[in-house]
Amino acid sequence: MASEATFLDVQFLRWVAERPRRHADLREAWSSTCPLNCAWEDAISDDLVRFSADGALVLTARGRARLADSAMPPVRSIVPADNPDRRQPEGQPRRRIA
C-alpha cells in the first residue's frame, strides 16, 4: 500500500475508531466483490487494525498514526448544516430527497 492514506483507507480507519466493531459488522459494512477494493483486508495486512482478544476490531498504534497524519477533514464537517449556500430560497417549497 502507498505511504499516503487514500480516502477509502481514511474512511475505514475512522469507522473503526468510532467504536469497537465485530467481524460481522465489518463484513456487512465493508464487503466488496471487487478484489481491488479491500480496504479492511489492506488495513489488516498493513498492521493498521487488528482483532483484540475479545474479537473487536481496533486500530493499532500504526493505524492511529496513519489516521492522525491524514490531511482529510472529517466527512461530517465538510458541509456544515448552517451553510447559507444549502438553504432553500424563500417562497419555494422545501424539496425532500427520497
N, C-alpha and C. Protein backbone atom coordinates (compact mmCIF):
# COMPACT_ATOMS: atom_id res chain seq x y z
N MET A 1 0.85 -1.17 0.00
CA MET A 1 0.00 0.00 0.00
C MET A 1 0.89 1.23 0.00
N ALA A 2 0.43 2.30 -0.63
CA ALA A 2 1.20 3.54 -0.70
C ALA A 2 1.35 4.14 0.69
N SER A 3 2.37 4.98 0.87
CA SER A 3 2.60 5.56 2.19
C SER A 3 1.53 6.58 2.55
N GLU A 4 0.94 7.22 1.56
CA GLU A 4 -0.15 8.16 1.84
C GLU A 4 -1.47 7.40 1.91
N ALA A 5 -2.27 7.76 2.87
CA ALA A 5 -3.57 7.10 3.01
C ALA A 5 -4.52 7.59 1.93
N THR A 6 -5.25 6.67 1.33
CA THR A 6 -6.27 7.06 0.37
C THR A 6 -7.53 7.44 1.13
N PHE A 7 -8.46 8.06 0.43
CA PHE A 7 -9.71 8.46 1.06
C PHE A 7 -10.44 7.25 1.64
N LEU A 8 -10.47 6.16 0.91
CA LEU A 8 -11.14 4.95 1.39
C LEU A 8 -10.47 4.40 2.64
N ASP A 9 -9.14 4.43 2.67
CA ASP A 9 -8.41 3.98 3.85
C ASP A 9 -8.78 4.81 5.07
N VAL A 10 -8.81 6.12 4.88
CA VAL A 10 -9.13 7.03 5.99
C VAL A 10 -10.56 6.81 6.45
N GLN A 11 -11.48 6.65 5.51
CA GLN A 11 -12.87 6.37 5.89
C GLN A 11 -12.95 5.11 6.73
N PHE A 12 -12.25 4.07 6.31
CA PHE A 12 -12.27 2.82 7.05
C PHE A 12 -11.68 2.98 8.44
N LEU A 13 -10.54 3.64 8.54
CA LEU A 13 -9.91 3.84 9.85
C LEU A 13 -10.79 4.67 10.77
N ARG A 14 -11.45 5.68 10.23
CA ARG A 14 -12.39 6.48 11.05
C ARG A 14 -13.55 5.62 11.53
N TRP A 15 -14.04 4.75 10.65
CA TRP A 15 -15.16 3.87 11.01
C TRP A 15 -14.76 2.96 12.17
N VAL A 16 -13.56 2.41 12.09
CA VAL A 16 -13.07 1.53 13.17
C VAL A 16 -12.87 2.34 14.45
N ALA A 17 -12.35 3.56 14.33
CA ALA A 17 -12.05 4.39 15.50
C ALA A 17 -13.30 4.86 16.24
N GLU A 18 -14.44 4.90 15.56
CA GLU A 18 -15.68 5.40 16.19
C GLU A 18 -16.09 4.55 17.39
N ARG A 19 -15.97 3.23 17.28
CA ARG A 19 -16.35 2.32 18.37
C ARG A 19 -15.86 0.92 18.03
N PRO A 20 -15.81 0.04 19.01
CA PRO A 20 -15.38 -1.34 18.73
C PRO A 20 -16.31 -1.98 17.70
N ARG A 21 -15.74 -2.70 16.76
CA ARG A 21 -16.51 -3.35 15.69
C ARG A 21 -16.28 -4.85 15.74
N ARG A 22 -17.30 -5.59 15.45
CA ARG A 22 -17.22 -7.04 15.39
C ARG A 22 -17.00 -7.47 13.94
N HIS A 23 -16.57 -8.70 13.76
CA HIS A 23 -16.31 -9.21 12.42
C HIS A 23 -17.57 -9.13 11.56
N ALA A 24 -18.73 -9.43 12.13
CA ALA A 24 -19.99 -9.35 11.37
C ALA A 24 -20.26 -7.92 10.91
N ASP A 25 -19.96 -6.93 11.77
CA ASP A 25 -20.12 -5.51 11.38
C ASP A 25 -19.22 -5.20 10.19
N LEU A 26 -18.01 -5.69 10.28
CA LEU A 26 -17.02 -5.46 9.25
C LEU A 26 -17.48 -6.03 7.92
N ARG A 27 -17.91 -7.26 7.92
CA ARG A 27 -18.35 -7.92 6.68
C ARG A 27 -19.58 -7.23 6.10
N GLU A 28 -20.49 -6.82 6.96
CA GLU A 28 -21.71 -6.17 6.49
C GLU A 28 -21.44 -4.80 5.89
N ALA A 29 -20.64 -4.01 6.55
CA ALA A 29 -20.42 -2.63 6.11
C ALA A 29 -19.36 -2.50 5.03
N TRP A 30 -18.39 -3.39 5.00
CA TRP A 30 -17.25 -3.21 4.10
C TRP A 30 -17.03 -4.37 3.15
N SER A 31 -18.05 -5.16 2.88
CA SER A 31 -17.86 -6.26 1.93
C SER A 31 -17.78 -5.68 0.52
N SER A 32 -17.00 -6.34 -0.31
CA SER A 32 -16.83 -5.87 -1.69
C SER A 32 -16.58 -7.07 -2.58
N THR A 33 -17.12 -7.02 -3.78
CA THR A 33 -16.85 -8.07 -4.75
C THR A 33 -15.66 -7.71 -5.63
N CYS A 34 -15.15 -6.51 -5.44
CA CYS A 34 -14.01 -6.05 -6.23
C CYS A 34 -12.71 -6.40 -5.51
N PRO A 35 -11.85 -7.20 -6.13
CA PRO A 35 -10.60 -7.58 -5.45
C PRO A 35 -9.65 -6.41 -5.24
N LEU A 36 -9.86 -5.30 -5.93
CA LEU A 36 -9.00 -4.13 -5.77
C LEU A 36 -9.54 -3.18 -4.71
N ASN A 37 -10.69 -3.47 -4.14
CA ASN A 37 -11.34 -2.59 -3.18
C ASN A 37 -11.51 -3.31 -1.85
N CYS A 38 -10.42 -3.67 -1.24
CA CYS A 38 -10.45 -4.44 0.02
C CYS A 38 -9.82 -3.61 1.12
N ALA A 39 -10.44 -2.51 1.48
CA ALA A 39 -9.87 -1.59 2.47
C ALA A 39 -9.56 -2.31 3.78
N TRP A 40 -10.47 -3.15 4.23
CA TRP A 40 -10.24 -3.78 5.53
C TRP A 40 -9.15 -4.84 5.46
N GLU A 41 -9.07 -5.57 4.36
CA GLU A 41 -8.00 -6.56 4.23
C GLU A 41 -6.64 -5.87 4.14
N ASP A 42 -6.59 -4.77 3.39
CA ASP A 42 -5.35 -4.00 3.30
C ASP A 42 -4.95 -3.45 4.67
N ALA A 43 -5.94 -2.97 5.43
CA ALA A 43 -5.65 -2.40 6.74
C ALA A 43 -5.11 -3.46 7.70
N ILE A 44 -5.63 -4.67 7.61
CA ILE A 44 -5.13 -5.76 8.45
C ILE A 44 -3.70 -6.13 8.03
N SER A 45 -3.48 -6.29 6.74
CA SER A 45 -2.14 -6.70 6.29
C SER A 45 -1.11 -5.60 6.49
N ASP A 46 -1.54 -4.34 6.53
CA ASP A 46 -0.62 -3.22 6.77
C ASP A 46 -0.48 -2.89 8.25
N ASP A 47 -1.05 -3.73 9.12
CA ASP A 47 -0.97 -3.55 10.57
C ASP A 47 -1.57 -2.22 11.02
N LEU A 48 -2.68 -1.82 10.39
CA LEU A 48 -3.39 -0.61 10.79
C LEU A 48 -4.53 -0.93 11.75
N VAL A 49 -5.07 -2.15 11.65
CA VAL A 49 -6.11 -2.63 12.54
C VAL A 49 -5.78 -4.07 12.93
N ARG A 50 -6.41 -4.51 14.01
CA ARG A 50 -6.24 -5.90 14.45
C ARG A 50 -7.49 -6.30 15.22
N PHE A 51 -7.68 -7.59 15.40
CA PHE A 51 -8.75 -8.09 16.24
C PHE A 51 -8.20 -8.26 17.65
N SER A 52 -8.88 -7.68 18.63
CA SER A 52 -8.45 -7.78 20.02
C SER A 52 -8.83 -9.15 20.57
N ALA A 53 -8.43 -9.42 21.80
CA ALA A 53 -8.70 -10.72 22.43
C ALA A 53 -10.19 -11.01 22.53
N ASP A 54 -11.01 -9.96 22.68
CA ASP A 54 -12.45 -10.18 22.78
C ASP A 54 -13.15 -10.18 21.42
N GLY A 55 -12.36 -10.12 20.33
CA GLY A 55 -12.93 -10.21 18.99
C GLY A 55 -13.29 -8.89 18.35
N ALA A 56 -13.04 -7.79 19.03
CA ALA A 56 -13.37 -6.47 18.47
C ALA A 56 -12.25 -6.01 17.54
N LEU A 57 -12.65 -5.39 16.44
CA LEU A 57 -11.67 -4.80 15.53
C LEU A 57 -11.28 -3.44 16.07
N VAL A 58 -9.98 -3.21 16.25
CA VAL A 58 -9.48 -1.96 16.82
C VAL A 58 -8.31 -1.45 16.01
N LEU A 59 -8.04 -0.16 16.14
CA LEU A 59 -6.87 0.44 15.50
C LEU A 59 -5.61 0.04 16.24
N THR A 60 -4.54 -0.16 15.51
CA THR A 60 -3.23 -0.37 16.11
C THR A 60 -2.59 1.01 16.28
N ALA A 61 -1.43 1.05 16.91
CA ALA A 61 -0.70 2.32 17.03
C ALA A 61 -0.39 2.87 15.64
N ARG A 62 -0.03 1.99 14.74
CA ARG A 62 0.25 2.42 13.36
C ARG A 62 -1.01 2.97 12.68
N GLY A 63 -2.16 2.34 12.94
CA GLY A 63 -3.43 2.82 12.38
C GLY A 63 -3.82 4.17 12.93
N ARG A 64 -3.62 4.36 14.24
CA ARG A 64 -3.91 5.67 14.86
C ARG A 64 -3.01 6.75 14.28
N ALA A 65 -1.74 6.41 14.06
CA ALA A 65 -0.80 7.38 13.47
C ALA A 65 -1.20 7.72 12.04
N ARG A 66 -1.57 6.70 11.26
CA ARG A 66 -1.99 6.94 9.87
C ARG A 66 -3.22 7.83 9.84
N LEU A 67 -4.16 7.58 10.74
CA LEU A 67 -5.37 8.40 10.80
C LEU A 67 -5.04 9.83 11.21
N ALA A 68 -4.17 9.98 12.18
CA ALA A 68 -3.79 11.32 12.65
C ALA A 68 -3.03 12.09 11.57
N ASP A 69 -2.25 11.38 10.76
CA ASP A 69 -1.46 12.02 9.71
C ASP A 69 -2.26 12.36 8.47
N SER A 70 -3.45 11.79 8.35
CA SER A 70 -4.25 12.07 7.15
C SER A 70 -4.69 13.53 7.17
N ALA A 71 -4.56 14.16 6.04
CA ALA A 71 -4.90 15.59 5.93
C ALA A 71 -6.36 15.79 5.57
N MET A 72 -7.13 14.72 5.50
CA MET A 72 -8.53 14.83 5.08
C MET A 72 -9.39 15.26 6.25
N PRO A 73 -10.26 16.26 6.05
CA PRO A 73 -11.15 16.67 7.13
C PRO A 73 -12.20 15.60 7.38
N PRO A 74 -12.77 15.57 8.59
CA PRO A 74 -13.84 14.61 8.87
C PRO A 74 -15.00 14.80 7.90
N VAL A 75 -15.57 13.71 7.44
CA VAL A 75 -16.65 13.76 6.46
C VAL A 75 -17.83 14.57 6.98
N ARG A 76 -18.16 14.44 8.26
CA ARG A 76 -19.32 15.13 8.80
C ARG A 76 -19.16 16.66 8.80
N SER A 77 -17.95 17.17 8.72
CA SER A 77 -17.77 18.62 8.81
C SER A 77 -17.48 19.29 7.47
N ILE A 78 -17.54 18.55 6.38
CA ILE A 78 -17.24 19.14 5.08
C ILE A 78 -18.28 20.21 4.72
N VAL A 79 -19.56 19.93 4.87
CA VAL A 79 -20.62 20.90 4.59
C VAL A 79 -21.44 21.09 5.86
N PRO A 80 -21.20 22.19 6.58
CA PRO A 80 -21.96 22.43 7.80
C PRO A 80 -23.46 22.58 7.50
N ALA A 81 -24.28 22.18 8.45
CA ALA A 81 -25.73 22.26 8.27
C ALA A 81 -26.21 23.69 8.10
N ASP A 82 -25.49 24.65 8.67
CA ASP A 82 -25.92 26.05 8.57
C ASP A 82 -25.27 26.78 7.39
N ASN A 83 -24.73 26.05 6.42
CA ASN A 83 -24.12 26.64 5.25
C ASN A 83 -25.17 27.41 4.46
N PRO A 84 -25.03 28.74 4.28
CA PRO A 84 -26.05 29.52 3.59
C PRO A 84 -26.26 29.09 2.14
N ASP A 85 -25.28 28.49 1.51
CA ASP A 85 -25.44 28.04 0.13
C ASP A 85 -26.38 26.85 0.02
N ARG A 86 -26.66 26.18 1.13
CA ARG A 86 -27.52 25.00 1.13
C ARG A 86 -28.95 25.32 1.53
N ARG A 87 -29.23 26.57 1.86
CA ARG A 87 -30.58 26.93 2.29
C ARG A 87 -31.54 27.00 1.10
N GLN A 88 -32.79 26.70 1.36
CA GLN A 88 -33.84 26.76 0.36
C GLN A 88 -34.21 28.22 0.11
N PRO A 89 -34.30 28.68 -1.16
CA PRO A 89 -34.72 30.06 -1.42
C PRO A 89 -36.10 30.33 -0.83
N GLU A 90 -36.27 31.55 -0.34
CA GLU A 90 -37.56 31.91 0.27
C GLU A 90 -38.68 31.82 -0.76
N GLY A 91 -39.85 31.37 -0.29
CA GLY A 91 -41.02 31.28 -1.14
C GLY A 91 -41.10 30.01 -1.95
N GLN A 92 -40.09 29.17 -1.91
CA GLN A 92 -40.12 27.89 -2.62
C GLN A 92 -40.30 26.76 -1.63
N PRO A 93 -41.11 25.77 -2.00
CA PRO A 93 -41.31 24.64 -1.08
C PRO A 93 -40.02 23.84 -0.90
N ARG A 94 -39.88 23.30 0.27
CA ARG A 94 -38.70 22.51 0.59
C ARG A 94 -38.79 21.16 -0.11
N ARG A 95 -37.74 20.79 -0.82
CA ARG A 95 -37.72 19.50 -1.52
C ARG A 95 -37.19 18.43 -0.59
N ARG A 96 -37.79 17.27 -0.65
CA ARG A 96 -37.34 16.14 0.15
C ARG A 96 -36.70 15.12 -0.78
N ILE A 97 -35.61 14.60 -0.31
CA ILE A 97 -34.92 13.55 -1.07
C ILE A 97 -35.41 12.21 -0.58
N ALA A 98 -35.88 11.40 -1.49
CA ALA A 98 -36.43 10.09 -1.10
C ALA A 98 -35.35 9.10 -0.83
